[in-house]
Amino acid sequence: MIPVGWYLLLSATLFSIGLVGFIIRRDLIVMLMCLEIMFNAVNIAFASFSYYNANLIGQIFVLFSIAVAASEAVIGLAIVLALVRNTGINHSDDIANLRG
């Protein structure tokens, strides 16, 4: 059996990669992908704690979280693609120019 610390190390590494990517990059699609990486890191932590404690509630929560994250990704990507298509803005710094 793999210790829970290894899963938490993987989760912390993925969350750190996603956080650094979200903060440094300004491309909207890349920011959405980094946000999804952070969500998946949290799901790994939940699933590892659930497996370690022999409790299925955490794994059920992970399944619902994956479903919500998938729908969030679809809606977010549709909004970003509509923004890029209609205004040509692809960077988060340029969104402030839409205020008028």
PDB file of N, CA and C in Angstrom:
ATOM      1  N   MET A   1       0.840  -1.177   0.000  1.00  0.00           N
ATOM      2  CA  MET A   1       0.000   0.000   0.000  1.00  0.00           C
ATOM      3  C   MET A   1       0.888   1.245   0.000  1.00  0.00           C
ATOM      4  N   ILE A   2       0.551   2.187  -0.860  1.00  0.00           N
ATOM      5  CA  ILE A   2       1.297   3.440  -0.949  1.00  0.00           C
ATOM      6  C   ILE A   2       0.851   4.344   0.200  1.00  0.00           C
ATOM      7  N   PRO A   3       1.792   4.940   0.922  1.00  0.00           N
ATOM      8  CA  PRO A   3       1.400   5.822   2.034  1.00  0.00           C
ATOM      9  C   PRO A   3       0.652   7.059   1.542  1.00  0.00           C
ATOM     10  N   VAL A   4      -0.191   7.589   2.406  1.00  0.00           N
ATOM     11  CA  VAL A   4      -1.004   8.743   2.033  1.00  0.00           C
ATOM     12  C   VAL A   4      -0.141   9.980   1.804  1.00  0.00           C
ATOM     13  N   GLY A   5       1.038  10.022   2.379  1.00  0.00           N
ATOM     14  CA  GLY A   5       1.935  11.156   2.184  1.00  0.00           C
ATOM     15  C   GLY A   5       2.362  11.339   0.741  1.00  0.00           C
ATOM     16  N   TRP A   6       2.529  10.239   0.027  1.00  0.00           N
ATOM     17  CA  TRP A   6       2.908  10.328  -1.390  1.00  0.00           C
ATOM     18  C   TRP A   6       1.782  10.957  -2.215  1.00  0.00           C
ATOM     19  N   TYR A   7       0.546  10.569  -1.897  1.00  0.00           N
ATOM     20  CA  TYR A   7      -0.591  11.164  -2.596  1.00  0.00           C
ATOM     21  C   TYR A   7      -0.696  12.657  -2.293  1.00  0.00           C
ATOM     22  N   LEU A   8      -0.446  13.019  -1.042  1.00  0.00           N
ATOM     23  CA  LEU A   8      -0.511  14.429  -0.680  1.00  0.00           C
ATOM     24  C   LEU A   8       0.627  15.219  -1.314  1.00  0.00           C
ATOM     25  N   LEU A   9       1.790  14.596  -1.458  1.00  0.00           N
ATOM     26  CA  LEU A   9       2.894  15.248  -2.151  1.00  0.00           C
ATOM     27  C   LEU A   9       2.545  15.484  -3.623  1.00  0.00           C
ATOM     28  N   LEU A  10       1.940  14.490  -4.259  1.00  0.00           N
ATOM     29  CA  LEU A  10       1.495  14.650  -5.642  1.00  0.00           C
ATOM     30  C   LEU A  10       0.446  15.743  -5.743  1.00  0.00           C
ATOM     31  N   SER A  11      -0.490  15.750  -4.808  1.00  0.00           N
ATOM     32  CA  SER A  11      -1.538  16.762  -4.816  1.00  0.00           C
ATOM     33  C   SER A  11      -0.968  18.159  -4.609  1.00  0.00           C
ATOM     34  N   ALA A  12      -0.039  18.307  -3.675  1.00  0.00           N
ATOM     35  CA  ALA A  12       0.567  19.615  -3.434  1.00  0.00           C
ATOM     36  C   ALA A  12       1.389  20.077  -4.629  1.00  0.00           C
ATOM     37  N   THR A  13       2.073  19.149  -5.287  1.00  0.00           N
ATOM     38  CA  THR A  13       2.862  19.502  -6.464  1.00  0.00           C
ATOM     39  C   THR A  13       1.964  19.981  -7.601  1.00  0.00           C
ATOM     40  N   LEU A  14       0.879  19.241  -7.858  1.00  0.00           N
ATOM     41  CA  LEU A  14      -0.046  19.645  -8.915  1.00  0.00           C
ATOM     42  C   LEU A  14      -0.704  20.978  -8.593  1.00  0.00           C
ATOM     43  N   PHE A  15      -1.078  21.172  -7.333  1.00  0.00           N
ATOM     44  CA  PHE A  15      -1.701  22.436  -6.952  1.00  0.00           C
ATOM     45  C   PHE A  15      -0.724  23.590  -7.118  1.00  0.00           C
ATOM     46  N   SER A  16       0.542  23.370  -6.771  1.00  0.00           N
ATOM     47  CA  SER A  16       1.545  24.422  -6.920  1.00  0.00           C
ATOM     48  C   SER A  16       1.782  24.764  -8.387  1.00  0.00           C
ATOM     49  N   ILE A  17       1.836  23.748  -9.226  1.00  0.00           N
ATOM     50  CA  ILE A  17       2.011  23.988 -10.663  1.00  0.00           C
ATOM     51  C   ILE A  17       0.834  24.783 -11.213  1.00  0.00           C
ATOM     52  N   GLY A  18      -0.378  24.403 -10.820  1.00  0.00           N
ATOM     53  CA  GLY A  18      -1.557  25.123 -11.275  1.00  0.00           C
ATOM     54  C   GLY A  18      -1.597  26.549 -10.762  1.00  0.00           C
ATOM     55  N   LEU A  19      -1.212  26.762  -9.513  1.00  0.00           N
ATOM     56  CA  LEU A  19      -1.230  28.101  -8.935  1.00  0.00           C
ATOM     57  C   LEU A  19      -0.202  29.009  -9.601  1.00  0.00           C
ATOM     58  N   VAL A  20       1.001  28.497  -9.814  1.00  0.00           N
ATOM     59  CA  VAL A  20       2.038  29.289 -10.484  1.00  0.00           C
ATOM     60  C   VAL A  20       1.623  29.605 -11.914  1.00  0.00           C
ATOM     61  N   GLY A  21       1.060  28.624 -12.602  1.00  0.00           N
ATOM     62  CA  GLY A  21       0.593  28.873 -13.965  1.00  0.00           C
ATOM     63  C   GLY A  21      -0.532  29.881 -14.020  1.00  0.00           C
ATOM     64  N   PHE A  22      -1.427  29.840 -13.040  1.00  0.00           N
ATOM     65  CA  PHE A  22      -2.550  30.782 -13.012  1.00  0.00           C
ATOM     66  C   PHE A  22      -2.068  32.199 -12.733  1.00  0.00           C
ATOM     67  N   ILE A  23      -1.070  32.326 -11.865  1.00  0.00           N
ATOM     68  CA  ILE A  23      -0.581  33.659 -11.501  1.00  0.00           C
ATOM     69  C   ILE A  23       0.310  34.247 -12.594  1.00  0.00           C
ATOM     70  N   ILE A  24       1.158  33.435 -13.194  1.00  0.00           N
ATOM     71  CA  ILE A  24       2.152  33.955 -14.140  1.00  0.00           C
ATOM     72  C   ILE A  24       1.559  34.171 -15.531  1.00  0.00           C
ATOM     73  N   ARG A  25       0.813  33.214 -16.041  1.00  0.00           N
ATOM     74  CA  ARG A  25       0.317  33.303 -17.413  1.00  0.00           C
ATOM     75  C   ARG A  25      -0.887  34.232 -17.486  1.00  0.00           C
ATOM     76  N   ARG A  26      -1.047  34.940 -18.582  1.00  0.00           N
ATOM     77  CA  ARG A  26      -2.165  35.859 -18.764  1.00  0.00           C
ATOM     78  C   ARG A  26      -3.113  35.426 -19.877  1.00  0.00           C
ATOM     79  N   ASP A  27      -2.828  34.326 -20.530  1.00  0.00           N
ATOM     80  CA  ASP A  27      -3.713  33.796 -21.548  1.00  0.00           C
ATOM     81  C   ASP A  27      -4.925  33.171 -20.856  1.00  0.00           C
ATOM     82  N   LEU A  28      -6.129  33.522 -21.291  1.00  0.00           N
ATOM     83  CA  LEU A  28      -7.334  33.095 -20.591  1.00  0.00           C
ATOM     84  C   LEU A  28      -7.536  31.588 -20.640  1.00  0.00           C
ATOM     85  N   ILE A  29      -7.236  30.952 -21.756  1.00  0.00           N
ATOM     86  CA  ILE A  29      -7.429  29.512 -21.871  1.00  0.00           C
ATOM     87  C   ILE A  29      -6.428  28.765 -20.993  1.00  0.00           C
ATOM     88  N   VAL A  30      -5.204  29.255 -20.932  1.00  0.00           N
ATOM     89  CA  VAL A  30      -4.193  28.643 -20.063  1.00  0.00           C
ATOM     90  C   VAL A  30      -4.575  28.815 -18.593  1.00  0.00           C
ATOM     91  N   MET A  31      -5.158  29.958 -18.264  1.00  0.00           N
ATOM     92  CA  MET A  31      -5.608  30.176 -16.894  1.00  0.00           C
ATOM     93  C   MET A  31      -6.719  29.195 -16.517  1.00  0.00           C
ATOM     94  N   LEU A  32      -7.627  28.913 -17.447  1.00  0.00           N
ATOM     95  CA  LEU A  32      -8.670  27.918 -17.186  1.00  0.00           C
ATOM     96  C   LEU A  32      -8.080  26.525 -16.991  1.00  0.00           C
ATOM     97  N   MET A  33      -7.076  26.190 -17.802  1.00  0.00           N
ATOM     98  CA  MET A  33      -6.445  24.877 -17.650  1.00  0.00           C
ATOM     99  C   MET A  33      -5.730  24.766 -16.311  1.00  0.00           C
ATOM    100  N   CYS A  34      -5.072  25.823 -15.871  1.00  0.00           N
ATOM    101  CA  CYS A  34      -4.393  25.803 -14.569  1.00  0.00           C
ATOM    102  C   CYS A  34      -5.398  25.697 -13.433  1.00  0.00           C
ATOM    103  N   LEU A  35      -6.548  26.325 -13.592  1.00  0.00           N
ATOM    104  CA  LEU A  35      -7.604  26.201 -12.587  1.00  0.00           C
ATOM    105  C   LEU A  35      -8.102  24.766 -12.496  1.00  0.00           C
ATOM    106  N   GLU A  36      -8.230  24.107 -13.615  1.00  0.00           N
ATOM    107  CA  GLU A  36      -8.646  22.702 -13.620  1.00  0.00           C
ATOM    108  C   GLU A  36      -7.589  21.807 -12.982  1.00  0.00           C
ATOM    109  N   ILE A  37      -6.315  22.117 -13.186  1.00  0.00           N
ATOM    110  CA  ILE A  37      -5.242  21.352 -12.531  1.00  0.00           C
ATOM    111  C   ILE A  37      -5.351  21.483 -11.021  1.00  0.00           C
ATOM    112  N   MET A  38      -5.662  22.691 -10.549  1.00  0.00           N
ATOM    113  CA  MET A  38      -5.818  22.882  -9.106  1.00  0.00           C
ATOM    114  C   MET A  38      -7.017  22.116  -8.574  1.00  0.00           C
ATOM    115  N   PHE A  39      -8.132  22.097  -9.317  1.00  0.00           N
ATOM    116  CA  PHE A  39      -9.302  21.309  -8.897  1.00  0.00           C
ATOM    117  C   PHE A  39      -8.965  19.826  -8.813  1.00  0.00           C
ATOM    118  N   ASN A  40      -8.222  19.332  -9.792  1.00  0.00           N
ATOM    119  CA  ASN A  40      -7.861  17.916  -9.788  1.00  0.00           C
ATOM    120  C   ASN A  40      -6.906  17.577  -8.652  1.00  0.00           C
ATOM    121  N   ALA A  41      -6.044  18.509  -8.275  1.00  0.00           N
ATOM    122  CA  ALA A  41      -5.151  18.280  -7.135  1.00  0.00           C
ATOM    123  C   ALA A  41      -5.949  18.132  -5.846  1.00  0.00           C
ATOM    124  N   VAL A  42      -6.963  18.953  -5.682  1.00  0.00           N
ATOM    125  CA  VAL A  42      -7.824  18.837  -4.502  1.00  0.00           C
ATOM    126  C   VAL A  42      -8.584  17.514  -4.524  1.00  0.00           C
ATOM    127  N   ASN A  43      -9.028  17.093  -5.691  1.00  0.00           N
ATOM    128  CA  ASN A  43      -9.727  15.807  -5.806  1.00  0.00           C
ATOM    129  C   ASN A  43      -8.813  14.642  -5.439  1.00  0.00           C
ATOM    130  N   ILE A  44      -7.550  14.709  -5.811  1.00  0.00           N
ATOM    131  CA  ILE A  44      -6.602  13.653  -5.439  1.00  0.00           C
ATOM    132  C   ILE A  44      -6.442  13.598  -3.925  1.00  0.00           C
ATOM    133  N   ALA A  45      -6.376  14.767  -3.297  1.00  0.00           N
ATOM    134  CA  ALA A  45      -6.254  14.794  -1.834  1.00  0.00           C
ATOM    135  C   ALA A  45      -7.486  14.213  -1.166  1.00  0.00           C
ATOM    136  N   PHE A  46      -8.676  14.579  -1.652  1.00  0.00           N
ATOM    137  CA  PHE A  46      -9.904  14.022  -1.088  1.00  0.00           C
ATOM    138  C   PHE A  46      -9.957  12.508  -1.249  1.00  0.00           C
ATOM    139  N   ALA A  47      -9.618  12.026  -2.439  1.00  0.00           N
ATOM    140  CA  ALA A  47      -9.679  10.592  -2.693  1.00  0.00           C
ATOM    141  C   ALA A  47      -8.657   9.835  -1.857  1.00  0.00           C
ATOM    142  N   SER A  48      -7.480  10.410  -1.658  1.00  0.00           N
ATOM    143  CA  SER A  48      -6.465   9.718  -0.859  1.00  0.00           C
ATOM    144  C   SER A  48      -6.867   9.650   0.608  1.00  0.00           C
ATOM    145  N   PHE A  49      -7.425  10.729   1.154  1.00  0.00           N
ATOM    146  CA  PHE A  49      -7.905  10.683   2.533  1.00  0.00           C
ATOM    147  C   PHE A  49      -9.061   9.703   2.684  1.00  0.00           C
ATOM    148  N   SER A  50      -9.923   9.655   1.680  1.00  0.00           N
ATOM    149  CA  SER A  50     -11.044   8.726   1.726  1.00  0.00           C
ATOM    150  C   SER A  50     -10.566   7.284   1.694  1.00  0.00           C
ATOM    151  N   TYR A  51      -9.588   6.997   0.865  1.00  0.00           N
ATOM    152  CA  TYR A  51      -9.057   5.638   0.791  1.00  0.00           C
ATOM    153  C   TYR A  51      -8.304   5.273   2.073  1.00  0.00           C
ATOM    154  N   TYR A  52      -7.575   6.232   2.608  1.00  0.00           N
ATOM    155  CA  TYR A  52      -6.796   5.989   3.821  1.00  0.00           C
ATOM    156  C   TYR A  52      -7.710   5.708   5.017  1.00  0.00           C
ATOM    157  N   ASN A  53      -8.844   6.393   5.095  1.00  0.00           N
ATOM    158  CA  ASN A  53      -9.788   6.204   6.199  1.00  0.00           C
ATOM    159  C   ASN A  53     -10.836   5.140   5.921  1.00  0.00           C
ATOM    160  N   ALA A  54     -10.776   4.495   4.771  1.00  0.00           N
ATOM    161  CA  ALA A  54     -11.725   3.446   4.362  1.00  0.00           C
ATOM    162  C   ALA A  54     -13.157   3.951   4.437  1.00  0.00           C
ATOM    163  N   ASN A  55     -13.382   5.141   3.860  1.00  0.00           N
ATOM    164  CA  ASN A  55     -14.684   5.769   3.866  1.00  0.00           C
ATOM    165  C   ASN A  55     -15.026   6.178   2.434  1.00  0.00           C
ATOM    166  N   LEU A  56     -16.218   5.838   1.987  1.00  0.00           N
ATOM    167  CA  LEU A  56     -16.589   6.121   0.603  1.00  0.00           C
ATOM    168  C   LEU A  56     -17.154   7.516   0.394  1.00  0.00           C
ATOM    169  N   ILE A  57     -17.404   8.248   1.453  1.00  0.00           N
ATOM    170  CA  ILE A  57     -18.024   9.564   1.312  1.00  0.00           C
ATOM    171  C   ILE A  57     -17.105  10.513   0.544  1.00  0.00           C
ATOM    172  N   GLY A  58     -15.822  10.457   0.813  1.00  0.00           N
ATOM    173  CA  GLY A  58     -14.874  11.315   0.093  1.00  0.00           C
ATOM    174  C   GLY A  58     -14.806  10.983  -1.382  1.00  0.00           C
ATOM    175  N   GLN A  59     -14.882   9.710  -1.721  1.00  0.00           N
ATOM    176  CA  GLN A  59     -14.840   9.320  -3.124  1.00  0.00           C
ATOM    177  C   GLN A  59     -16.113   9.732  -3.854  1.00  0.00           C
ATOM    178  N   ILE A  60     -17.236   9.672  -3.179  1.00  0.00           N
ATOM    179  CA  ILE A  60     -18.487  10.141  -3.778  1.00  0.00           C
ATOM    180  C   ILE A  60     -18.422  11.651  -3.990  1.00  0.00           C
ATOM    181  N   PHE A  61     -17.851  12.370  -3.017  1.00  0.00           N
ATOM    182  CA  PHE A  61     -17.677  13.809  -3.170  1.00  0.00           C
ATOM    183  C   PHE A  61     -16.772  14.119  -4.352  1.00  0.00           C
ATOM    184  N   VAL A  62     -15.744  13.324  -4.559  1.00  0.00           N
ATOM    185  CA  VAL A  62     -14.840  13.534  -5.698  1.00  0.00           C
ATOM    186  C   VAL A  62     -15.591  13.342  -7.010  1.00  0.00           C
ATOM    187  N   LEU A  63     -16.460  12.350  -7.093  1.00  0.00           N
ATOM    188  CA  LEU A  63     -17.232  12.150  -8.322  1.00  0.00           C
ATOM    189  C   LEU A  63     -18.125  13.349  -8.618  1.00  0.00           C
ATOM    190  N   PHE A  64     -18.804  13.867  -7.598  1.00  0.00           N
ATOM    191  CA  PHE A  64     -19.633  15.052  -7.803  1.00  0.00           C
ATOM    192  C   PHE A  64     -18.774  16.270  -8.147  1.00  0.00           C
ATOM    193  N   SER A  65     -17.624  16.382  -7.540  1.00  0.00           N
ATOM    194  CA  SER A  65     -16.730  17.492  -7.819  1.00  0.00           C
ATOM    195  C   SER A  65     -16.213  17.443  -9.256  1.00  0.00           C
ATOM    196  N   ILE A  66     -15.926  16.267  -9.748  1.00  0.00           N
ATOM    197  CA  ILE A  66     -15.481  16.128 -11.140  1.00  0.00           C
ATOM    198  C   ILE A  66     -16.596  16.531 -12.095  1.00  0.00           C
ATOM    199  N   ALA A  67     -17.829  16.152 -11.779  1.00  0.00           N
ATOM    200  CA  ALA A  67     -18.959  16.536 -12.634  1.00  0.00           C
ATOM    201  C   ALA A  67     -19.155  18.049 -12.646  1.00  0.00           C
ATOM    202  N   VAL A  68     -19.059  18.679 -11.494  1.00  0.00           N
ATOM    203  CA  VAL A  68     -19.209  20.137 -11.416  1.00  0.00           C
ATOM    204  C   VAL A  68     -18.045  20.821 -12.129  1.00  0.00           C
ATOM    205  N   ALA A  69     -16.826  20.310 -11.966  1.00  0.00           N
ATOM    206  CA  ALA A  69     -15.667  20.910 -12.622  1.00  0.00           C
ATOM    207  C   ALA A  69     -15.761  20.781 -14.141  1.00  0.00           C
ATOM    208  N   ALA A  70     -16.299  19.675 -14.615  1.00  0.00           N
ATOM    209  CA  ALA A  70     -16.454  19.508 -16.064  1.00  0.00           C
ATOM    210  C   ALA A  70     -17.461  20.505 -16.618  1.00  0.00           C
ATOM    211  N   SER A  71     -18.576  20.686 -15.930  1.00  0.00           N
ATOM    212  CA  SER A  71     -19.561  21.658 -16.407  1.00  0.00           C
ATOM    213  C   SER A  71     -19.024  23.085 -16.298  1.00  0.00           C
ATOM    214  N   GLU A  72     -18.260  23.361 -15.258  1.00  0.00           N
ATOM    215  CA  GLU A  72     -17.642  24.683 -15.108  1.00  0.00           C
ATOM    216  C   GLU A  72     -16.641  24.938 -16.223  1.00  0.00           C
ATOM    217  N   ALA A  73     -15.891  23.924 -16.590  1.00  0.00           N
ATOM    218  CA  ALA A  73     -14.906  24.079 -17.661  1.00  0.00           C
ATOM    219  C   ALA A  73     -15.587  24.340 -18.997  1.00  0.00           C
ATOM    220  N   VAL A  74     -16.687  23.676 -19.249  1.00  0.00           N
ATOM    221  CA  VAL A  74     -17.404  23.869 -20.514  1.00  0.00           C
ATOM    222  C   VAL A  74     -17.978  25.279 -20.596  1.00  0.00           C
ATOM    223  N   ILE A  75     -18.600  25.734 -19.512  1.00  0.00           N
ATOM    224  CA  ILE A  75     -19.186  27.074 -19.516  1.00  0.00           C
ATOM    225  C   ILE A  75     -18.091  28.137 -19.586  1.00  0.00           C
ATOM    226  N   GLY A  76     -17.020  27.961 -18.821  1.00  0.00           N
ATOM    227  CA  GLY A  76     -15.923  28.923 -18.851  1.00  0.00           C
ATOM    228  C   GLY A  76     -15.261  28.987 -20.211  1.00  0.00           C
ATOM    229  N   LEU A  77     -15.050  27.840 -20.829  1.00  0.00           N
ATOM    230  CA  LEU A  77     -14.432  27.826 -22.155  1.00  0.00           C
ATOM    231  C   LEU A  77     -15.340  28.471 -23.193  1.00  0.00           C
ATOM    232  N   ALA A  78     -16.647  28.264 -23.078  1.00  0.00           N
ATOM    233  CA  ALA A  78     -17.578  28.911 -24.006  1.00  0.00           C
ATOM    234  C   ALA A  78     -17.552  30.425 -23.847  1.00  0.00           C
ATOM    235  N   ILE A  79     -17.476  30.898 -22.613  1.00  0.00           N
ATOM    236  CA  ILE A  79     -17.415  32.348 -22.385  1.00  0.00           C
ATOM    237  C   ILE A  79     -16.106  32.920 -22.929  1.00  0.00           C
ATOM    238  N   VAL A  80     -15.002  32.241 -22.672  1.00  0.00           N
ATOM    239  CA  VAL A  80     -13.707  32.732 -23.155  1.00  0.00           C
ATOM    240  C   VAL A  80     -13.656  32.723 -24.678  1.00  0.00           C
ATOM    241  N   LEU A  81     -14.150  31.671 -25.308  1.00  0.00           N
ATOM    242  CA  LEU A  81     -14.124  31.616 -26.773  1.00  0.00           C
ATOM    243  C   LEU A  81     -15.037  32.673 -27.389  1.00  0.00           C
ATOM    244  N   ALA A  82     -16.182  32.943 -26.762  1.00  0.00           N
ATOM    245  CA  ALA A  82     -17.057  34.011 -27.256  1.00  0.00           C
ATOM    246  C   ALA A  82     -16.384  35.371 -27.101  1.00  0.00           C
ATOM    247  N   LEU A  83     -15.678  35.578 -25.994  1.00  0.00           N
ATOM    248  CA  LEU A  83     -14.958  36.834 -25.775  1.00  0.00           C
ATOM    249  C   LEU A  83     -13.853  37.015 -26.807  1.00  0.00           C
ATOM    250  N   VAL A  84     -13.112  35.942 -27.077  1.00  0.00           N
ATOM    251  CA  VAL A  84     -12.028  36.022 -28.061  1.00  0.00           C
ATOM    252  C   VAL A  84     -12.593  36.242 -29.463  1.00  0.00           C
ATOM    253  N   ARG A  85     -13.676  35.566 -29.774  1.00  0.00           N
ATOM    254  CA  ARG A  85     -14.245  35.681 -31.114  1.00  0.00           C
ATOM    255  C   ARG A  85     -14.862  37.063 -31.350  1.00  0.00           C
ATOM    256  N   ASN A  86     -15.544  37.616 -30.362  1.00  0.00           N
ATOM    257  CA  ASN A  86     -16.246  38.885 -30.564  1.00  0.00           C
ATOM    258  C   ASN A  86     -15.349  40.108 -30.402  1.00  0.00           C
ATOM    259  N   THR A  87     -14.372  40.054 -29.498  1.00  0.00           N
ATOM    260  CA  THR A  87     -13.560  41.239 -29.240  1.00  0.00           C
ATOM    261  C   THR A  87     -12.098  41.067 -29.624  1.00  0.00           C
ATOM    262  N   GLY A  88     -11.625  39.848 -29.800  1.00  0.00           N
ATOM    263  CA  GLY A  88     -10.222  39.620 -30.115  1.00  0.00           C
ATOM    264  C   GLY A  88      -9.322  39.675 -28.899  1.00  0.00           C
ATOM    265  N   ILE A  89      -9.907  39.774 -27.707  1.00  0.00           N
ATOM    266  CA  ILE A  89      -9.125  39.848 -26.476  1.00  0.00           C
ATOM    267  C   ILE A  89      -8.812  38.439 -26.001  1.00  0.00           C
ATOM    268  N   ASN A  90      -7.531  38.151 -25.785  1.00  0.00           N
ATOM    269  CA  ASN A  90      -7.117  36.824 -25.346  1.00  0.00           C
ATOM    270  C   ASN A  90      -6.346  36.869 -24.033  1.00  0.00           C
ATOM    271  N   HIS A  91      -6.019  38.056 -23.529  1.00  0.00           N
ATOM    272  CA  HIS A  91      -5.253  38.182 -22.299  1.00  0.00           C
ATOM    273  C   HIS A  91      -6.118  38.798 -21.212  1.00  0.00           C
ATOM    274  N   SER A  92      -5.876  38.386 -19.992  1.00  0.00           N
ATOM    275  CA  SER A  92      -6.694  38.868 -18.890  1.00  0.00           C
ATOM    276  C   SER A  92      -6.454  40.340 -18.592  1.00  0.00           C
ATOM    277  N   ASP A  93      -5.308  40.884 -18.974  1.00  0.00           N
ATOM    278  CA  ASP A  93      -5.037  42.306 -18.733  1.00  0.00           C
ATOM    279  C   ASP A  93      -5.901  43.206 -19.610  1.00  0.00           C
ATOM    280  N   ASP A  94      -6.315  42.712 -20.773  1.00  0.00           N
ATOM    281  CA  ASP A  94      -7.088  43.521 -21.702  1.00  0.00           C
ATOM    282  C   ASP A  94      -8.576  43.566 -21.369  1.00  0.00           C
ATOM    283  N   ILE A  95      -9.036  42.766 -20.449  1.00  0.00           N
ATOM    284  CA  ILE A  95     -10.454  42.724 -20.110  1.00  0.00           C
ATOM    285  C   ILE A  95     -10.893  44.023 -19.447  1.00  0.00           C
ATOM    286  N   ALA A  96     -10.005  44.689 -18.743  1.00  0.00           N
ATOM    287  CA  ALA A  96     -10.341  45.968 -18.098  1.00  0.00           C
ATOM    288  C   ALA A  96     -10.695  47.038 -19.122  1.00  0.00           C
ATOM    289  N   ASN A  97     -10.259  46.881 -20.366  1.00  0.00           N
ATOM    290  CA  ASN A  97     -10.583  47.858 -21.413  1.00  0.00           C
ATOM    291  C   ASN A  97     -12.027  47.755 -21.871  1.00  0.00           C
ATOM    292  N   LEU A  98     -12.744  46.697 -21.494  1.00  0.00           N
ATOM    293  CA  LEU A  98     -14.129  46.522 -21.920  1.00  0.00           C
ATOM    294  C   LEU A  98     -15.105  47.362 -21.112  1.00  0.00           C
ATOM    295  N   ARG A  99     -14.654  48.014 -20.065  1.00  0.00           N
ATOM    296  CA  ARG A  99     -15.560  48.773 -19.199  1.00  0.00           C
ATOM    297  C   ARG A  99     -16.135  49.996 -19.910  1.00  0.00           C
ATOM    298  N   GLY A 100     -15.416  50.554 -20.826  1.00  0.00           N
ATOM    299  CA  GLY A 100     -15.927  51.658 -21.619  1.00  0.00           C
ATOM    300  C   GLY A 100     -15.612  52.974 -21.164  1.00  0.00           C
TER     301      GLY A 100
END
